[in-house]
Amino acid sequence: MEDQNQKMKILCLHGFRTSGKFLQKQISKWDPSLFLNHFHLDYPDGLFGAGGKSDIEGIFPPPYFEWFQFNVDFTEYTNLEECLSYLCQYITTNGPFHGLLGFSQGATLCALLLGYKAQGKVLKEHPPFRMFVSISGSKFRDPSICEVAYKDKMEVKSVHFIGAKDWLRLPSEELATAFHDPLIIRHPQGHTVPRLDETWTEQLRKWIADVLVQSKGGISNGEHDEPKSVDDEEGTPKLLETKIINNNSTDGSESARNEAKEETPKVFENKISSSQIDASEETL
């Protein structure tokens, strides 16, 4: 195995009212040959302590953190600028980072950083990020943010995990459209870091291998990668289907809120659905 200091770094941002250690535990269910053998994964805690009950209380020990706060419609945000400043400083001090990985609120933040960087708003001196792993991520809904962060399709190689029972399923699909040629892995579970079967472990391994090959000798030559998805219609990627082992597994971070409605989901309702938490998952 490569020396940790020689590995490329990935910044990993946890979900709402959880912690870096919890996300590390969630990711540990994946085959170590995917990320652990190739990258140094950095799991910082959110800038703010949890301002209310965490959905993983009784499942994983505290402390719990949140990156920023928001209203029920996810159109107004509190402490977002402070959060972005903190993350930019963290990246500058502890980087450079080769890529970003996030779950739920963490994935949403990662995508915002990528969009802002692409538009020259943040991290101007940091090398381009080469990869992004989004697990149940979404877009911000404030128009003033959207018109900057998602103005152009992002060229970063991205993979998006989207659960059929995830209350953020539709917003996660929308986020994927903000990236050029996204690899989309669908799974039958809810708001969780899913377990992967052999087929999609191998697919993800090939995706990572492409990233590693393209990163030899420097970061990003500006060229597009070979497509991992096929267009059904112009501008609309055909989402790649996957089979994922369907255990009783729904990790707790943010998972206990409303299921997204099919039409226009209010994705951040403060309603707890205990059926989405399964404390018996062996990897918790």
Protein backbone atom coordinates (compact mmCIF):
# COMPACT_ATOMS: atom_id res chain seq x y z
CA MET A 1 0.00 0.00 0.00
CA GLU A 2 1.20 3.49 -0.80
CA ASP A 3 2.55 5.71 1.93
CA GLN A 4 -0.23 7.92 3.25
CA ASN A 5 1.80 11.06 2.55
CA GLN A 6 2.06 10.07 -1.14
CA LYS A 7 -1.64 9.46 -1.61
CA MET A 8 -3.89 12.04 -3.19
CA LYS A 9 -6.25 13.62 -0.70
CA ILE A 10 -10.02 13.61 -0.67
CA LEU A 11 -11.95 15.95 1.61
CA CYS A 12 -14.99 14.13 3.03
CA LEU A 13 -17.89 16.14 4.43
CA HIS A 14 -20.45 14.49 6.70
CA GLY A 15 -24.21 14.94 6.84
CA PHE A 16 -26.35 17.20 9.01
CA ARG A 17 -25.95 16.72 12.76
CA THR A 18 -23.53 13.83 12.49
CA SER A 19 -19.71 13.88 12.45
CA GLY A 20 -16.59 13.12 10.48
CA LYS A 21 -16.18 9.89 12.43
CA PHE A 22 -19.69 8.81 11.52
CA LEU A 23 -19.08 9.38 7.80
CA GLN A 24 -15.81 7.46 8.13
CA LYS A 25 -17.81 4.57 9.59
CA GLN A 26 -20.35 4.81 6.78
CA ILE A 27 -17.67 4.71 4.07
CA SER A 28 -15.92 1.78 5.78
CA LYS A 29 -18.63 -0.57 4.45
CA TRP A 30 -17.14 -0.13 0.96
CA ASP A 31 -14.34 -2.34 -0.35
CA PRO A 32 -11.06 -0.68 0.77
CA SER A 33 -9.62 -1.24 -2.72
CA LEU A 34 -11.90 1.56 -3.94
CA PHE A 35 -10.77 4.58 -1.97
CA LEU A 36 -8.73 3.62 1.09
CA ASN A 37 -5.95 1.99 -0.92
CA HIS A 38 -5.52 4.97 -3.24
CA PHE A 39 -6.44 8.12 -1.35
CA HIS A 40 -5.96 9.77 2.01
CA LEU A 41 -9.48 10.54 3.24
CA ASP A 42 -9.81 13.58 5.49
CA TYR A 43 -12.98 13.75 7.64
CA PRO A 44 -13.31 17.14 9.38
CA ASP A 45 -16.23 17.94 11.66
CA GLY A 46 -18.76 20.63 10.83
CA LEU A 47 -18.11 24.16 11.99
CA PHE A 48 -21.11 24.26 14.35
CA GLY A 49 -22.29 21.93 17.07
CA ALA A 50 -25.67 20.30 16.50
CA GLY A 51 -28.42 22.81 17.22
CA GLY A 52 -31.01 20.14 17.90
CA LYS A 53 -31.60 16.41 18.12
CA SER A 54 -29.44 14.23 15.89
CA ASP A 55 -31.10 11.39 14.01
CA ILE A 56 -28.22 9.10 14.97
CA GLU A 57 -28.57 9.51 18.73
CA GLY A 58 -28.50 6.04 20.22
CA ILE A 59 -26.93 4.68 17.02
CA PHE A 60 -23.56 6.43 17.02
CA PRO A 61 -21.94 8.37 19.87
CA PRO A 62 -21.76 12.18 20.00
CA PRO A 63 -20.58 14.85 19.50
CA TYR A 64 -22.63 15.83 16.45
CA PHE A 65 -22.09 18.76 14.11
CA GLU A 66 -23.75 20.71 11.34
CA TRP A 67 -22.17 22.79 8.57
CA PHE A 68 -24.84 25.50 8.39
CA GLN A 69 -28.54 25.96 9.14
CA PHE A 70 -31.54 26.38 6.82
CA ASN A 71 -35.29 26.94 6.65
CA VAL A 72 -37.81 24.17 5.88
CA ASP A 73 -37.84 24.98 2.14
CA PHE A 74 -34.05 25.10 1.93
CA THR A 75 -34.21 28.57 0.39
CA GLU A 76 -32.70 30.55 3.28
CA TYR A 77 -29.44 29.70 5.04
CA THR A 78 -27.75 30.75 8.24
CA ASN A 79 -23.98 30.74 8.74
CA LEU A 80 -23.37 29.55 5.17
CA GLU A 81 -20.78 32.22 4.42
CA GLU A 82 -18.92 31.39 7.63
CA CYS A 83 -19.01 27.73 6.68
CA LEU A 84 -17.62 28.39 3.20
CA SER A 85 -14.85 30.59 4.60
CA TYR A 86 -13.94 27.88 7.09
CA LEU A 87 -13.84 25.18 4.42
CA CYS A 88 -11.78 27.29 2.03
CA GLN A 89 -9.29 27.98 4.80
CA TYR A 90 -9.24 24.30 5.75
CA ILE A 91 -8.61 23.25 2.15
CA THR A 92 -5.86 25.83 1.71
CA THR A 93 -4.15 24.86 4.96
CA ASN A 94 -4.48 21.08 4.71
CA GLY A 95 -4.47 20.59 0.94
CA PRO A 96 -4.09 20.50 -1.86
CA PHE A 97 -7.01 18.11 -2.21
CA HIS A 98 -7.48 15.96 -5.27
CA GLY A 99 -11.21 15.52 -4.81
CA LEU A 100 -14.30 15.91 -2.67
CA LEU A 101 -16.73 13.39 -1.21
CA GLY A 102 -19.87 14.18 0.72
CA PHE A 103 -23.04 12.75 2.16
CA SER A 104 -26.28 14.77 2.14
CA GLN A 105 -25.53 18.26 3.52
CA GLY A 106 -21.84 17.51 3.01
CA ALA A 107 -22.36 16.55 -0.65
CA THR A 108 -24.48 19.65 -1.21
CA LEU A 109 -21.65 21.77 0.16
CA CYS A 110 -19.03 19.99 -1.94
CA ALA A 111 -20.99 20.69 -5.12
CA LEU A 112 -21.33 24.35 -4.13
CA LEU A 113 -17.57 24.63 -3.63
CA LEU A 114 -16.96 23.05 -7.02
CA GLY A 115 -19.40 25.40 -8.73
CA TYR A 116 -18.04 28.50 -7.02
CA LYS A 117 -14.48 27.49 -7.83
CA ALA A 118 -15.36 26.91 -11.49
CA GLN A 119 -16.72 30.45 -11.62
CA GLY A 120 -13.64 31.92 -9.90
CA LYS A 121 -15.47 32.80 -6.70
CA VAL A 122 -13.42 30.71 -4.24
CA LEU A 123 -10.11 28.78 -4.00
CA LYS A 124 -8.57 30.58 -6.95
CA GLU A 125 -5.04 29.41 -6.07
CA HIS A 126 -5.99 25.79 -5.38
CA PRO A 127 -5.42 23.24 -8.19
CA PRO A 128 -8.56 22.03 -9.96
CA PHE A 129 -10.40 19.22 -8.24
CA ARG A 130 -10.40 16.03 -10.27
CA MET A 131 -13.22 14.03 -8.71
CA PHE A 132 -16.43 14.33 -6.73
CA VAL A 133 -18.41 11.60 -4.97
CA SER A 134 -21.95 12.68 -4.13
CA ILE A 135 -24.12 10.54 -1.85
CA SER A 136 -27.64 11.97 -1.51
CA GLY A 137 -26.49 15.46 -2.46
CA SER A 138 -28.67 18.29 -3.75
CA LYS A 139 -28.54 21.82 -5.14
CA PHE A 140 -29.03 24.98 -3.14
CA ARG A 141 -32.35 26.59 -4.05
CA ASP A 142 -31.58 30.29 -3.57
CA PRO A 143 -31.60 31.81 -7.10
CA SER A 144 -28.67 34.10 -6.27
CA ILE A 145 -26.58 31.01 -5.49
CA CYS A 146 -27.88 28.90 -8.37
CA GLU A 147 -27.13 31.47 -11.05
CA VAL A 148 -23.46 31.37 -10.05
CA ALA A 149 -22.72 27.88 -8.76
CA TYR A 150 -24.62 25.94 -11.42
CA LYS A 151 -24.25 28.41 -14.27
CA ASP A 152 -22.21 25.99 -16.38
CA LYS A 153 -21.90 22.23 -16.28
CA MET A 154 -18.97 21.29 -14.06
CA GLU A 155 -16.15 19.35 -15.71
CA VAL A 156 -15.14 17.44 -12.59
CA LYS A 157 -15.51 13.65 -12.89
CA SER A 158 -18.44 12.86 -10.64
CA VAL A 159 -20.31 9.83 -9.36
CA HIS A 160 -23.73 10.23 -7.76
CA PHE A 161 -25.36 7.67 -5.46
CA ILE A 162 -29.16 8.02 -5.56
CA GLY A 163 -31.52 5.89 -3.48
CA ALA A 164 -34.96 4.85 -4.73
CA LYS A 165 -36.39 5.45 -1.23
CA ASP A 166 -34.30 8.51 -0.46
CA TRP A 167 -36.29 11.61 0.47
CA LEU A 168 -33.63 13.51 -1.53
CA ARG A 169 -33.94 11.31 -4.62
CA LEU A 170 -35.29 13.98 -6.97
CA PRO A 171 -32.94 16.74 -5.75
CA SER A 172 -30.03 14.29 -6.09
CA GLU A 173 -30.95 13.61 -9.70
CA GLU A 174 -31.16 17.35 -10.31
CA LEU A 175 -27.70 17.86 -8.84
CA ALA A 176 -26.26 15.24 -11.20
CA THR A 177 -27.41 17.30 -14.19
CA ALA A 178 -25.04 20.09 -13.09
CA PHE A 179 -22.04 17.90 -14.03
CA HIS A 180 -20.60 16.86 -17.37
CA ASP A 181 -21.02 13.14 -18.03
CA PRO A 182 -21.92 12.01 -14.49
CA LEU A 183 -21.83 8.37 -13.46
CA ILE A 184 -25.08 7.70 -11.61
CA ILE A 185 -25.48 4.69 -9.37
CA ARG A 186 -29.04 3.98 -8.34
CA HIS A 187 -29.75 1.78 -5.35
CA PRO A 188 -32.98 0.54 -3.73
CA GLN A 189 -32.27 1.95 -0.27
CA GLY A 190 -33.07 5.25 1.40
CA HIS A 191 -30.99 8.12 2.71
CA THR A 192 -27.80 6.18 3.30
CA VAL A 193 -24.32 5.31 2.16
CA PRO A 194 -25.31 2.11 0.36
CA ARG A 195 -23.62 -1.25 0.31
CA LEU A 196 -22.27 -2.12 -3.13
CA ASP A 197 -22.49 -5.45 -4.87
CA GLU A 198 -19.58 -6.88 -6.86
CA THR A 199 -20.78 -5.49 -10.18
CA TRP A 200 -20.89 -1.90 -9.05
CA THR A 201 -17.80 -2.21 -6.89
CA GLU A 202 -15.98 -3.12 -10.10
CA GLN A 203 -17.64 -0.26 -12.01
CA LEU A 204 -16.60 2.21 -9.32
CA ARG A 205 -13.09 0.74 -9.31
CA LYS A 206 -12.80 1.42 -13.06
CA TRP A 207 -14.10 4.95 -12.56
CA ILE A 208 -11.44 5.56 -9.91
CA ALA A 209 -8.78 4.02 -12.17
CA ASP A 210 -9.71 6.54 -14.87
CA VAL A 211 -9.29 9.35 -12.37
CA LEU A 212 -5.88 8.05 -11.28
CA VAL A 213 -4.63 7.63 -14.85
CA GLN A 214 -5.71 11.13 -15.83
CA SER A 215 -4.09 12.59 -12.73
CA LYS A 216 -0.60 11.18 -13.37
CA GLY A 217 1.85 13.98 -13.95
CA GLY A 218 -0.57 16.71 -12.99
CA ILE A 219 -4.18 17.66 -12.43
CA SER A 220 -6.75 18.06 -15.21
CA ASN A 221 -5.70 18.68 -18.79
CA GLY A 222 -9.07 20.22 -19.47
CA GLU A 223 -10.22 17.44 -21.78
CA HIS A 224 -13.42 15.47 -21.31
CA ASP A 225 -13.29 11.88 -20.19
CA GLU A 226 -14.88 9.05 -22.11
CA PRO A 227 -18.62 9.03 -21.35
CA LYS A 228 -19.89 6.86 -18.51
CA SER A 229 -23.52 7.56 -19.36
CA VAL A 230 -25.42 7.59 -22.65
CA ASP A 231 -27.70 10.39 -23.74
CA ASP A 232 -31.35 9.43 -24.07
CA GLU A 233 -32.17 12.85 -25.38
CA GLU A 234 -29.99 15.82 -26.09
CA GLY A 235 -28.60 17.13 -22.83
CA THR A 236 -30.27 14.43 -20.75
CA PRO A 237 -27.96 11.66 -19.54
CA LYS A 238 -29.32 8.15 -19.39
CA LEU A 239 -28.98 7.24 -15.76
CA LEU A 240 -27.02 4.08 -15.20
CA GLU A 241 -28.88 1.49 -13.17
CA THR A 242 -27.26 -0.63 -10.49
CA LYS A 243 -28.02 -3.57 -8.27
CA ILE A 244 -27.01 -3.02 -4.68
CA ILE A 245 -27.35 -5.46 -1.82
CA ASN A 246 -30.56 -4.51 -0.05
CA ASN A 247 -29.83 -4.98 3.62
CA ASN A 248 -31.71 -3.37 6.48
CA SER A 249 -29.42 -0.39 6.08
CA THR A 250 -30.33 3.23 6.31
CA ASP A 251 -27.73 5.29 8.06
CA GLY A 252 -29.22 7.95 10.29
CA SER A 253 -27.79 11.22 9.00
CA GLU A 254 -30.66 13.38 7.84
CA SER A 255 -32.52 10.21 7.00
CA ALA A 256 -35.43 10.88 9.30
CA ARG A 257 -37.11 13.60 7.33
CA ASN A 258 -39.98 13.56 4.84
CA GLU A 259 -39.87 11.43 1.70
CA ALA A 260 -39.66 13.73 -1.31
CA LYS A 261 -42.95 14.30 -3.09
CA GLU A 262 -43.04 13.45 -6.80
CA GLU A 263 -44.09 16.89 -7.99
CA THR A 264 -42.25 19.69 -6.15
CA PRO A 265 -40.67 18.21 -3.03
CA LYS A 266 -40.22 20.21 0.13
CA VAL A 267 -37.02 18.43 0.82
CA PHE A 268 -36.15 19.81 4.22
CA GLU A 269 -39.30 19.29 6.27
CA ASN A 270 -38.49 18.81 9.94
CA LYS A 271 -40.54 15.62 10.29
CA ILE A 272 -38.98 12.47 11.67
CA SER A 273 -39.77 9.12 10.09
CA SER A 274 -38.42 6.44 12.38
CA SER A 275 -38.88 3.82 9.68
CA GLN A 276 -35.89 5.29 7.85
CA ILE A 277 -33.49 4.54 10.71
CA ASP A 278 -32.25 1.01 11.18
CA ALA A 279 -29.98 0.85 14.17
CA SER A 280 -29.25 -2.79 13.52
CA GLU A 281 -27.01 -2.11 10.53
CA GLU A 282 -23.88 -4.04 11.35
CA THR A 283 -21.43 -1.42 10.12
CA LEU A 284 -22.70 1.35 12.36
